[in-house]
Protein backbone atom coordinates (compact mmCIF):
# COMPACT_ATOMS: atom_id res chain seq x y z
CA UNK A 1 -9.98 48.21 -2.14
CA UNK A 2 -9.69 44.49 -1.44
CA UNK A 3 -6.65 42.94 0.17
CA UNK A 4 -5.99 39.39 -1.00
CA UNK A 5 -3.74 36.72 0.46
CA UNK A 6 -2.41 33.52 -1.11
CA UNK A 7 -1.68 30.28 0.72
CA UNK A 8 -0.20 27.08 -0.63
CA UNK A 9 -2.04 23.80 -0.01
CA UNK A 10 -1.16 20.20 -0.83
CA UNK A 11 -3.87 17.56 -1.26
CA UNK A 12 -4.34 14.06 -2.62
CA UNK A 13 -7.10 11.75 -3.82
CA UNK A 14 -7.38 8.16 -4.97
CA UNK A 15 -9.87 9.27 -7.68
CA UNK A 16 -8.44 12.21 -9.65
CA UNK A 17 -6.62 15.53 -9.61
CA UNK A 18 -10.00 17.27 -9.76
CA UNK A 19 -11.18 15.40 -6.68
CA UNK A 20 -7.97 16.33 -4.84
CA UNK A 21 -8.58 19.98 -5.76
CA UNK A 22 -12.17 19.85 -4.50
CA UNK A 23 -11.06 18.21 -1.25
CA UNK A 24 -8.40 20.88 -0.69
CA UNK A 25 -10.84 23.75 -1.21
CA UNK A 26 -13.48 22.13 0.98
CA UNK A 27 -11.00 21.51 3.79
CA UNK A 28 -9.41 24.98 3.54
CA UNK A 29 -12.83 26.67 3.59
CA UNK A 30 -13.38 25.34 7.12
CA UNK A 31 -10.81 27.79 8.45
CA UNK A 32 -10.24 30.23 5.58
CA UNK A 33 -13.15 32.50 4.65
CA UNK A 34 -13.77 34.49 1.45
CA UNK A 35 -11.91 32.14 -0.91
CA UNK A 36 -11.87 33.80 -4.32
CA UNK A 37 -9.90 31.42 -6.55
CA UNK A 38 -7.64 28.41 -6.73
CA UNK A 39 -4.64 27.92 -9.00
CA UNK A 40 -3.34 24.40 -9.59
CA UNK A 41 0.40 24.93 -9.54
CA UNK A 42 1.51 21.32 -9.87
CA UNK A 43 0.09 17.84 -10.36
CA UNK A 44 1.72 14.51 -9.64
CA UNK A 45 0.78 10.93 -8.89
CA UNK A 46 2.27 8.15 -6.80
CA UNK A 47 2.62 4.67 -8.26
CA UNK A 48 2.41 1.38 -6.41
CA UNK A 49 2.80 -2.04 -8.03
CA UNK A 50 2.62 -0.53 -11.52
CA UNK A 51 -0.66 1.30 -10.85
CA UNK A 52 -1.46 4.90 -9.94
CA UNK A 53 -2.09 4.85 -6.19
CA UNK A 54 -3.13 8.46 -5.71
CA UNK A 55 -3.26 11.83 -7.42
CA UNK A 56 -1.58 14.84 -5.80
CA UNK A 57 -2.03 18.57 -6.35
CA UNK A 58 -0.16 21.61 -5.15
CA UNK A 59 -2.59 24.56 -5.06
CA UNK A 60 -2.45 28.26 -4.44
CA UNK A 61 -5.66 29.46 -2.80
CA UNK A 62 -6.49 33.18 -2.94
CA UNK A 63 -8.81 34.72 -0.38
CA UNK A 64 -9.89 38.18 0.69
CA UNK A 65 -8.64 39.52 4.01
CA UNK A 66 -11.12 41.58 6.02
């Protein structure tokens, strides 16, 4: 039987929501092992001078606990 844990992670990117998601998973995987899935809970963007400045994601990362 596997025991899974969920953590919440916030990330941003100047490129896209997808890039922010990839960055979050890559960074989390440095300290969290056995990542199984990621759920994008929320997306937003900041605007500066009438342009999108960066894309933000709020993720839930699920990983297996040994």
